[in-house]
PDB file of N, CA and C in Angstrom:
ATOM      1  N   UNK A   1      71.356  71.944  20.573  1.00  0.00           N
ATOM      2  CA  UNK A   1      70.621  72.341  21.754  1.00  0.00           C
ATOM      3  C   UNK A   1      70.089  71.114  22.476  1.00  0.00           C
ATOM      4  N   UNK A   2      69.702  70.114  21.708  1.00  0.00           N
ATOM      5  CA  UNK A   2      69.132  68.921  22.298  1.00  0.00           C
ATOM      6  C   UNK A   2      70.148  68.168  23.172  1.00  0.00           C
ATOM      7  N   UNK A   3      71.404  67.981  22.757  1.00  0.00           N
ATOM      8  CA  UNK A   3      72.356  67.264  23.609  1.00  0.00           C
ATOM      9  C   UNK A   3      72.625  68.001  24.928  1.00  0.00           C
ATOM     10  N   UNK A   4      72.570  69.323  24.889  1.00  0.00           N
ATOM     11  CA  UNK A   4      72.786  70.087  26.124  1.00  0.00           C
ATOM     12  C   UNK A   4      71.650  69.848  27.123  1.00  0.00           C
ATOM     13  N   UNK A   5      70.404  69.794  26.634  1.00  0.00           N
ATOM     14  CA  UNK A   5      69.260  69.518  27.505  1.00  0.00           C
ATOM     15  C   UNK A   5      69.337  68.103  28.076  1.00  0.00           C
ATOM     16  N   UNK A   6      69.718  67.151  27.234  1.00  0.00           N
ATOM     17  CA  UNK A   6      69.858  65.778  27.709  1.00  0.00           C
ATOM     18  C   UNK A   6      70.943  65.677  28.787  1.00  0.00           C
ATOM     19  N   UNK A   7      72.041  66.353  28.579  1.00  0.00           N
ATOM     20  CA  UNK A   7      73.134  66.324  29.556  1.00  0.00           C
ATOM     21  C   UNK A   7      72.703  66.967  30.872  1.00  0.00           C
ATOM     22  N   UNK A   8      72.007  68.085  30.805  1.00  0.00           N
ATOM     23  CA  UNK A   8      71.543  68.765  32.023  1.00  0.00           C
ATOM     24  C   UNK A   8      70.515  67.905  32.765  1.00  0.00           C
ATOM     25  N   UNK A   9      69.618  67.258  32.021  1.00  0.00           N
ATOM     26  CA  UNK A   9      68.617  66.395  32.643  1.00  0.00           C
ATOM     27  C   UNK A   9      69.281  65.196  33.304  1.00  0.00           C
ATOM     28  N   UNK A  10      70.257  64.617  32.663  1.00  0.00           N
ATOM     29  CA  UNK A  10      70.963  63.459  33.223  1.00  0.00           C
ATOM     30  C   UNK A  10      71.714  63.856  34.493  1.00  0.00           C
ATOM     31  N   UNK A  11      72.345  65.014  34.482  1.00  0.00           N
ATOM     32  CA  UNK A  11      73.065  65.481  35.675  1.00  0.00           C
ATOM     33  C   UNK A  11      72.103  65.763  36.829  1.00  0.00           C
ATOM     34  N   UNK A  12      70.945  66.332  36.528  1.00  0.00           N
ATOM     35  CA  UNK A  12      69.954  66.613  37.563  1.00  0.00           C
ATOM     36  C   UNK A  12      69.434  65.313  38.164  1.00  0.00           C
ATOM     37  N   UNK A  13      69.155  64.319  37.314  1.00  0.00           N
ATOM     38  CA  UNK A  13      68.681  63.033  37.829  1.00  0.00           C
ATOM     39  C   UNK A  13      69.751  62.330  38.666  1.00  0.00           C
ATOM     40  N   UNK A  14      70.986  62.389  38.246  1.00  0.00           N
ATOM     41  CA  UNK A  14      72.079  61.767  39.013  1.00  0.00           C
ATOM     42  C   UNK A  14      72.258  62.438  40.374  1.00  0.00           C
ATOM     43  N   UNK A  15      72.126  63.749  40.414  1.00  0.00           N
ATOM     44  CA  UNK A  15      72.301  64.437  41.688  1.00  0.00           C
ATOM     45  C   UNK A  15      71.162  64.129  42.650  1.00  0.00           C
ATOM     46  N   UNK A  16      69.942  63.956  42.125  1.00  0.00           N
ATOM     47  CA  UNK A  16      68.797  63.620  42.982  1.00  0.00           C
ATOM     48  C   UNK A  16      68.908  62.183  43.483  1.00  0.00           C
ATOM     49  N   UNK A  17      69.299  61.271  42.601  1.00  0.00           N
ATOM     50  CA  UNK A  17      69.399  59.868  42.975  1.00  0.00           C
ATOM     51  C   UNK A  17      70.529  59.650  43.978  1.00  0.00           C
ATOM     52  N   UNK A  18      71.587  60.429  43.888  1.00  0.00           N
ATOM     53  CA  UNK A  18      72.729  60.226  44.777  1.00  0.00           C
ATOM     54  C   UNK A  18      72.456  60.691  46.207  1.00  0.00           C
ATOM     55  N   UNK A  19      71.420  61.505  46.391  1.00  0.00           N
ATOM     56  CA  UNK A  19      71.076  61.956  47.741  1.00  0.00           C
ATOM     57  C   UNK A  19      70.301  60.864  48.453  1.00  0.00           C
ATOM     58  N   UNK A  20      70.545  60.727  49.740  1.00  0.00           N
ATOM     59  CA  UNK A  20      69.779  59.775  50.538  1.00  0.00           C
ATOM     60  C   UNK A  20      68.661  60.521  51.232  1.00  0.00           C
ATOM     61  N   UNK A  21      67.444  60.101  51.002  1.00  0.00           N
ATOM     62  CA  UNK A  21      66.324  60.724  51.681  1.00  0.00           C
ATOM     63  C   UNK A  21      66.073  59.975  52.981  1.00  0.00           C
ATOM     64  N   UNK A  22      66.003  60.700  54.086  1.00  0.00           N
ATOM     65  CA  UNK A  22      65.749  60.069  55.374  1.00  0.00           C
ATOM     66  C   UNK A  22      66.992  59.466  55.999  1.00  0.00           C
ATOM     67  N   UNK A  23      68.158  59.631  55.354  1.00  0.00           N
ATOM     68  CA  UNK A  23      69.394  59.092  55.922  1.00  0.00           C
ATOM     69  C   UNK A  23      69.928  59.995  57.017  1.00  0.00           C
ATOM     70  N   UNK A  24      70.884  59.490  57.763  1.00  0.00           N
ATOM     71  CA  UNK A  24      71.462  60.283  58.851  1.00  0.00           C
ATOM     72  C   UNK A  24      72.628  61.103  58.322  1.00  0.00           C
ATOM     73  N   UNK A  25      72.748  62.291  58.770  1.00  0.00           N
ATOM     74  CA  UNK A  25      73.841  63.165  58.358  1.00  0.00           C
ATOM     75  C   UNK A  25      75.023  62.953  59.297  1.00  0.00           C
ATOM     76  N   UNK A  26      76.206  63.010  58.744  1.00  0.00           N
ATOM     77  CA  UNK A  26      77.417  62.894  59.551  1.00  0.00           C
ATOM     78  C   UNK A  26      77.683  64.259  60.175  1.00  0.00           C
ATOM     79  N   UNK A  27      77.650  64.327  61.481  1.00  0.00           N
ATOM     80  CA  UNK A  27      77.823  65.591  62.178  1.00  0.00           C
ATOM     81  C   UNK A  27      79.250  65.657  62.720  1.00  0.00           C
ATOM     82  N   UNK A  28      79.961  66.699  62.389  1.00  0.00           N
ATOM     83  CA  UNK A  28      81.338  66.828  62.869  1.00  0.00           C
ATOM     84  C   UNK A  28      81.398  67.392  64.278  1.00  0.00           C
ATOM     85  N   UNK A  29      80.511  68.276  64.627  1.00  0.00           N
ATOM     86  CA  UNK A  29      80.477  68.876  65.961  1.00  0.00           C
ATOM     87  C   UNK A  29      79.113  68.618  66.591  1.00  0.00           C
ATOM     88  N   UNK A  30      78.920  67.428  67.166  1.00  0.00           N
ATOM     89  CA  UNK A  30      77.602  67.120  67.733  1.00  0.00           C
ATOM     90  C   UNK A  30      77.341  67.906  69.008  1.00  0.00           C
ATOM     91  N   UNK A  31      76.074  68.085  69.306  1.00  0.00           N
ATOM     92  CA  UNK A  31      75.702  68.763  70.542  1.00  0.00           C
ATOM     93  C   UNK A  31      75.806  67.772  71.703  1.00  0.00           C
ATOM     94  N   UNK A  32      75.711  68.268  72.909  1.00  0.00           N
ATOM     95  CA  UNK A  32      75.799  67.421  74.095  1.00  0.00           C
ATOM     96  C   UNK A  32      74.633  66.434  74.111  1.00  0.00           C
ATOM     97  N   UNK A  33      73.455  66.889  73.720  1.00  0.00           N
ATOM     98  CA  UNK A  33      72.292  66.006  73.701  1.00  0.00           C
ATOM     99  C   UNK A  33      72.491  64.864  72.706  1.00  0.00           C
ATOM    100  N   UNK A  34      73.056  65.166  71.534  1.00  0.00           N
ATOM    101  CA  UNK A  34      73.316  64.114  70.554  1.00  0.00           C
ATOM    102  C   UNK A  34      74.347  63.117  71.073  1.00  0.00           C
ATOM    103  N   UNK A  35      75.380  63.609  71.736  1.00  0.00           N
ATOM    104  CA  UNK A  35      76.379  62.699  72.297  1.00  0.00           C
ATOM    105  C   UNK A  35      75.779  61.812  73.375  1.00  0.00           C
ATOM    106  N   UNK A  36      74.924  62.378  74.219  1.00  0.00           N
ATOM    107  CA  UNK A  36      74.273  61.579  75.258  1.00  0.00           C
ATOM    108  C   UNK A  36      73.384  60.500  74.641  1.00  0.00           C
ATOM    109  N   UNK A  37      72.650  60.861  73.599  1.00  0.00           N
ATOM    110  CA  UNK A  37      71.785  59.895  72.941  1.00  0.00           C
ATOM    111  C   UNK A  37      72.606  58.770  72.314  1.00  0.00           C
ATOM    112  N   UNK A  38      73.719  59.124  71.677  1.00  0.00           N
ATOM    113  CA  UNK A  38      74.567  58.100  71.064  1.00  0.00           C
ATOM    114  C   UNK A  38      75.218  57.208  72.115  1.00  0.00           C
ATOM    115  N   UNK A  39      75.587  57.768  73.262  1.00  0.00           N
ATOM    116  CA  UNK A  39      76.162  56.949  74.333  1.00  0.00           C
ATOM    117  C   UNK A  39      75.188  55.864  74.764  1.00  0.00           C
ATOM    118  N   UNK A  40      73.930  56.243  74.918  1.00  0.00           N
ATOM    119  CA  UNK A  40      72.918  55.271  75.335  1.00  0.00           C
ATOM    120  C   UNK A  40      72.705  54.236  74.234  1.00  0.00           C
ATOM    121  N   UNK A  41      72.716  54.676  72.956  1.00  0.00           N
ATOM    122  CA  UNK A  41      72.561  53.736  71.837  1.00  0.00           C
ATOM    123  C   UNK A  41      73.692  52.725  71.805  1.00  0.00           C
ATOM    124  N   UNK A  42      74.905  53.148  72.157  1.00  0.00           N
ATOM    125  CA  UNK A  42      76.065  52.268  72.094  1.00  0.00           C
ATOM    126  C   UNK A  42      76.211  51.400  73.345  1.00  0.00           C
ATOM    127  N   UNK A  43      75.272  51.525  74.282  1.00  0.00           N
ATOM    128  CA  UNK A  43      75.301  50.670  75.457  1.00  0.00           C
ATOM    129  C   UNK A  43      76.049  51.241  76.641  1.00  0.00           C
ATOM    130  N   UNK A  44      76.446  52.483  76.577  1.00  0.00           N
ATOM    131  CA  UNK A  44      77.135  53.104  77.710  1.00  0.00           C
ATOM    132  C   UNK A  44      76.111  53.625  78.706  1.00  0.00           C
ATOM    133  N   UNK A  45      76.487  53.707  79.986  1.00  0.00           N
ATOM    134  CA  UNK A  45      75.521  54.248  80.958  1.00  0.00           C
ATOM    135  C   UNK A  45      75.269  55.730  80.692  1.00  0.00           C
ATOM    136  N   UNK A  46      74.057  56.153  81.066  1.00  0.00           N
ATOM    137  CA  UNK A  46      73.697  57.549  80.837  1.00  0.00           C
ATOM    138  C   UNK A  46      74.545  58.451  81.724  1.00  0.00           C
ATOM    139  N   UNK A  47      74.985  59.549  81.181  1.00  0.00           N
ATOM    140  CA  UNK A  47      75.845  60.491  81.901  1.00  0.00           C
ATOM    141  C   UNK A  47      75.048  61.199  82.974  1.00  0.00           C
ATOM    142  N   UNK A  48      75.671  61.363  84.136  1.00  0.00           N
ATOM    143  CA  UNK A  48      75.017  62.080  85.228  1.00  0.00           C
ATOM    144  C   UNK A  48      75.536  63.509  85.259  1.00  0.00           C
ATOM    145  N   UNK A  49      74.615  64.428  85.362  1.00  0.00           N
ATOM    146  CA  UNK A  49      74.987  65.834  85.388  1.00  0.00           C
ATOM    147  C   UNK A  49      75.616  66.176  86.728  1.00  0.00           C
ATOM    148  N   UNK A  50      76.688  66.942  86.697  1.00  0.00           N
ATOM    149  CA  UNK A  50      77.341  67.379  87.934  1.00  0.00           C
ATOM    150  C   UNK A  50      76.956  68.807  88.284  1.00  0.00           C
ATOM    151  N   UNK A  51      76.050  69.375  87.558  1.00  0.00           N
ATOM    152  CA  UNK A  51      75.615  70.735  87.835  1.00  0.00           C
ATOM    153  C   UNK A  51      76.472  71.745  87.094  1.00  0.00           C
ATOM    154  N   UNK A  52      76.030  72.950  87.124  1.00  0.00           N
ATOM    155  CA  UNK A  52      76.739  74.030  86.441  1.00  0.00           C
ATOM    156  C   UNK A  52      77.871  74.543  87.328  1.00  0.00           C
ATOM    157  N   UNK A  53      78.895  75.124  86.739  1.00  0.00           N
ATOM    158  CA  UNK A  53      79.969  75.689  87.556  1.00  0.00           C
ATOM    159  C   UNK A  53      79.458  76.872  88.367  1.00  0.00           C
ATOM    160  N   UNK A  54      80.033  77.034  89.541  1.00  0.00           N
ATOM    161  CA  UNK A  54      79.619  78.155  90.379  1.00  0.00           C
ATOM    162  C   UNK A  54      80.241  79.433  89.839  1.00  0.00           C
ATOM    163  N   UNK A  55      79.437  80.449  89.759  1.00  0.00           N
ATOM    164  CA  UNK A  55      79.912  81.727  89.238  1.00  0.00           C
ATOM    165  C   UNK A  55      79.916  82.796  90.320  1.00  0.00           C
ATOM    166  N   UNK A  56      79.646  82.401  91.548  1.00  0.00           N
ATOM    167  CA  UNK A  56      79.647  83.360  92.640  1.00  0.00           C
ATOM    168  C   UNK A  56      80.551  82.855  93.750  1.00  0.00           C
ATOM    169  N   UNK A  57      80.946  83.722  94.594  1.00  0.00           N
ATOM    170  CA  UNK A  57      81.729  83.349  95.761  1.00  0.00           C
ATOM    171  C   UNK A  57      81.250  84.186  96.932  1.00  0.00           C
ATOM    172  N   UNK A  58      81.538  83.701  98.123  1.00  0.00           N
ATOM    173  CA  UNK A  58      81.099  84.412  99.316  1.00  0.00           C
ATOM    174  C   UNK A  58      82.238  85.270  99.826  1.00  0.00           C
ATOM    175  N   UNK A  59      81.935  86.493 100.162  1.00  0.00           N
ATOM    176  CA  UNK A  59      82.924  87.435 100.675  1.00  0.00           C
ATOM    177  C   UNK A  59      82.470  87.874 102.047  1.00  0.00           C
ATOM    178  N   UNK A  60      83.350  87.730 103.020  1.00  0.00           N
ATOM    179  CA  UNK A  60      83.031  88.221 104.357  1.00  0.00           C
ATOM    180  C   UNK A  60      83.870  89.458 104.609  1.00  0.00           C
ATOM    181  N   UNK A  61      83.209  90.501 104.968  1.00  0.00           N
ATOM    182  CA  UNK A  61      83.892  91.758 105.210  1.00  0.00           C
ATOM    183  C   UNK A  61      84.686  91.641 106.511  1.00  0.00           C
ATOM    184  N   UNK A  62      85.930  92.118 106.535  1.00  0.00           N
ATOM    185  CA  UNK A  62      86.711  92.026 107.762  1.00  0.00           C
ATOM    186  C   UNK A  62      86.086  92.854 108.883  1.00  0.00           C
ATOM    187  N   UNK A  63      86.308  92.400 110.104  1.00  0.00           N
ATOM    188  CA  UNK A  63      85.724  93.114 111.245  1.00  0.00           C
ATOM    189  C   UNK A  63      86.404  94.474 111.410  1.00  0.00           C
ATOM    190  N   UNK A  64      85.754  95.433 112.060  1.00  0.00           N
ATOM    191  CA  UNK A  64      86.337  96.772 112.216  1.00  0.00           C
ATOM    192  C   UNK A  64      87.625  96.752 113.052  1.00  0.00           C
ATOM    193  N   UNK A  65      87.803  95.744 113.880  1.00  0.00           N
ATOM    194  CA  UNK A  65      89.025  95.719 114.706  1.00  0.00           C
ATOM    195  C   UNK A  65      90.231  95.216 113.916  1.00  0.00           C
ATOM    196  N   UNK A  66      89.993  94.655 112.733  1.00  0.00           N
ATOM    197  CA  UNK A  66      91.088  94.143 111.917  1.00  0.00           C
ATOM    198  C   UNK A  66      91.881  95.305 111.339  1.00  0.00           C
ATOM    199  N   UNK A  67      93.201  95.247 111.480  1.00  0.00           N
ATOM    200  CA  UNK A  67      94.057  96.302 110.944  1.00  0.00           C
ATOM    201  C   UNK A  67      95.232  95.648 110.233  1.00  0.00           C
ATOM    202  N   UNK A  68      95.237  95.646 108.916  1.00  0.00           N
ATOM    203  CA  UNK A  68      96.308  94.968 108.192  1.00  0.00           C
ATOM    204  C   UNK A  68      97.656  95.680 108.296  1.00  0.00           C
ATOM    205  N   UNK A  69      97.679  96.963 108.527  1.00  0.00           N
ATOM    206  CA  UNK A  69      98.943  97.703 108.600  1.00  0.00           C
ATOM    207  C   UNK A  69      98.990  98.452 109.931  1.00  0.00           C
ATOM    208  N   UNK A  70     100.183  98.872 110.285  1.00  0.00           N
ATOM    209  CA  UNK A  70     100.338  99.648 111.521  1.00  0.00           C
ATOM    210  C   UNK A  70      99.665 101.005 111.346  1.00  0.00           C
ATOM    211  N   UNK A  71      99.156 101.572 112.414  1.00  0.00           N
ATOM    212  CA  UNK A  71      98.533 102.893 112.294  1.00  0.00           C
ATOM    213  C   UNK A  71      99.531 103.923 111.764  1.00  0.00           C
ATOM    214  N   UNK A  72      99.025 104.896 111.027  1.00  0.00           N
ATOM    215  CA  UNK A  72      99.896 105.883 110.396  1.00  0.00           C
ATOM    216  C   UNK A  72     100.530 106.827 111.405  1.00  0.00           C
ATOM    217  N   UNK A  73      99.875 107.116 112.550  1.00  0.00           N
ATOM    218  CA  UNK A  73     100.434 108.081 113.488  1.00  0.00           C
ATOM    219  C   UNK A  73     101.428 107.443 114.446  1.00  0.00           C
ATOM    220  N   UNK A  74     101.621 106.138 114.438  1.00  0.00           N
ATOM    221  CA  UNK A  74     102.602 105.513 115.332  1.00  0.00           C
ATOM    222  C   UNK A  74     103.985 105.629 114.695  1.00  0.00           C
ATOM    223  N   UNK A  75     104.985 106.040 115.480  1.00  0.00           N
ATOM    224  CA  UNK A  75     106.330 106.157 114.905  1.00  0.00           C
ATOM    225  C   UNK A  75     106.909 104.772 114.614  1.00  0.00           C
ATOM    226  N   UNK A  76     107.740 104.720 113.589  1.00  0.00           N
ATOM    227  CA  UNK A  76     108.375 103.459 113.225  1.00  0.00           C
ATOM    228  C   UNK A  76     109.427 103.112 114.281  1.00  0.00           C
ATOM    229  N   UNK A  77     109.590 101.836 114.550  1.00  0.00           N
ATOM    230  CA  UNK A  77     110.583 101.399 115.541  1.00  0.00           C
ATOM    231  C   UNK A  77     111.976 101.663 114.993  1.00  0.00           C
ATOM    232  N   UNK A  78     112.862 102.190 115.842  1.00  0.00           N
ATOM    233  CA  UNK A  78     114.218 102.456 115.347  1.00  0.00           C
ATOM    234  C   UNK A  78     114.963 101.145 115.089  1.00  0.00           C
ATOM    235  N   UNK A  79     115.883 101.199 114.144  1.00  0.00           N
ATOM    236  CA  UNK A  79     116.673 100.022 113.815  1.00  0.00           C
ATOM    237  C   UNK A  79     117.656  99.762 114.949  1.00  0.00           C
ATOM    238  N   UNK A  80     117.941  98.492 115.250  1.00  0.00           N
ATOM    239  CA  UNK A  80     118.907  98.212 116.313  1.00  0.00           C
ATOM    240  C   UNK A  80     120.297  98.727 115.921  1.00  0.00           C
ATOM    241  N   UNK A  81     121.091  99.145 116.909  1.00  0.00           N
ATOM    242  CA  UNK A  81     122.427  99.650 116.573  1.00  0.00           C
ATOM    243  C   UNK A  81     123.295  98.541 115.997  1.00  0.00           C
ATOM    244  N   UNK A  82     124.200  98.943 115.112  1.00  0.00           N
ATOM    245  CA  UNK A  82     125.096  97.975 114.492  1.00  0.00           C
ATOM    246  C   UNK A  82     126.175  97.558 115.466  1.00  0.00           C
ATOM    247  N   UNK A  83     126.600  96.348 115.330  1.00  0.00           N
ATOM    248  CA  UNK A  83     127.645  95.814 116.205  1.00  0.00           C
ATOM    249  C   UNK A  83     129.003  96.290 115.687  1.00  0.00           C
ATOM    250  N   UNK A  84     129.853  96.753 116.569  1.00  0.00           N
ATOM    251  CA  UNK A  84     131.201  97.175 116.168  1.00  0.00           C
ATOM    252  C   UNK A  84     132.201  96.177 116.740  1.00  0.00           C
ATOM    253  N   UNK A  85     133.197  95.852 115.976  1.00  0.00           N
ATOM    254  CA  UNK A  85     134.212  94.881 116.383  1.00  0.00           C
ATOM    255  C   UNK A  85     135.538  95.605 116.549  1.00  0.00           C
ATOM    256  N   UNK A  86     136.201  95.373 117.708  1.00  0.00           N
ATOM    257  CA  UNK A  86     137.506  95.936 117.956  1.00  0.00           C
ATOM    258  C   UNK A  86     138.528  94.815 117.787  1.00  0.00           C
ATOM    259  N   UNK A  87     139.364  94.895 116.796  1.00  0.00           N
ATOM    260  CA  UNK A  87     140.415  93.906 116.615  1.00  0.00           C
ATOM    261  C   UNK A  87     140.071  92.887 115.538  1.00  0.00           C
ATOM    262  N   UNK A  88     140.899  91.852 115.459  1.00  0.00           N
ATOM    263  CA  UNK A  88     140.748  90.815 114.455  1.00  0.00           C
ATOM    264  C   UNK A  88     139.719  89.777 114.924  1.00  0.00           C
ATOM    265  N   UNK A  89     139.080  89.124 113.990  1.00  0.00           N
ATOM    266  CA  UNK A  89     138.157  88.068 114.367  1.00  0.00           C
ATOM    267  C   UNK A  89     138.914  86.883 114.967  1.00  0.00           C
ATOM    268  N   UNK A  90     138.237  86.087 115.772  1.00  0.00           N
ATOM    269  CA  UNK A  90     138.925  84.951 116.401  1.00  0.00           C
ATOM    270  C   UNK A  90     139.371  83.946 115.352  1.00  0.00           C
ATOM    271  N   UNK A  91     140.523  83.355 115.539  1.00  0.00           N
ATOM    272  CA  UNK A  91     141.055  82.354 114.613  1.00  0.00           C
ATOM    273  C   UNK A  91     141.811  82.957 113.452  1.00  0.00           C
ATOM    274  N   UNK A  92     141.970  84.260 113.386  1.00  0.00           N
ATOM    275  CA  UNK A  92     142.701  84.872 112.283  1.00  0.00           C
ATOM    276  C   UNK A  92     144.191  84.798 112.555  1.00  0.00           C
ATOM    277  N   UNK A  93     145.037  84.668 111.536  1.00  0.00           N
ATOM    278  CA  UNK A  93     146.486  84.617 111.776  1.00  0.00           C
ATOM    279  C   UNK A  93     146.982  85.951 112.347  1.00  0.00           C
ATOM    280  N   UNK A  94     147.935  85.854 113.210  1.00  0.00           N
ATOM    281  CA  UNK A  94     148.465  87.047 113.884  1.00  0.00           C
ATOM    282  C   UNK A  94     149.619  87.667 113.112  1.00  0.00           C
TER     283      UNK A  94
END
């Protein structure tokens, strides 16, 4: 029983000693604020905010005189008559 207690105590002490108290943690996904702070620490100029993306747009309602399609009660224009040819086209062998 005694060797088991000694082994557990030694492992507990090793795990405590191996931790760094007050050290910096390696962050894999830093926040924007952390990245900005590190940029300034490394001597880069501070980033300027360009503002948030616009999520709205302006819509102007078309005027009442605007008509995208022809009125429904107007008759459709008739198709032009087809051209009829009498004889052979010019330049054809006789």
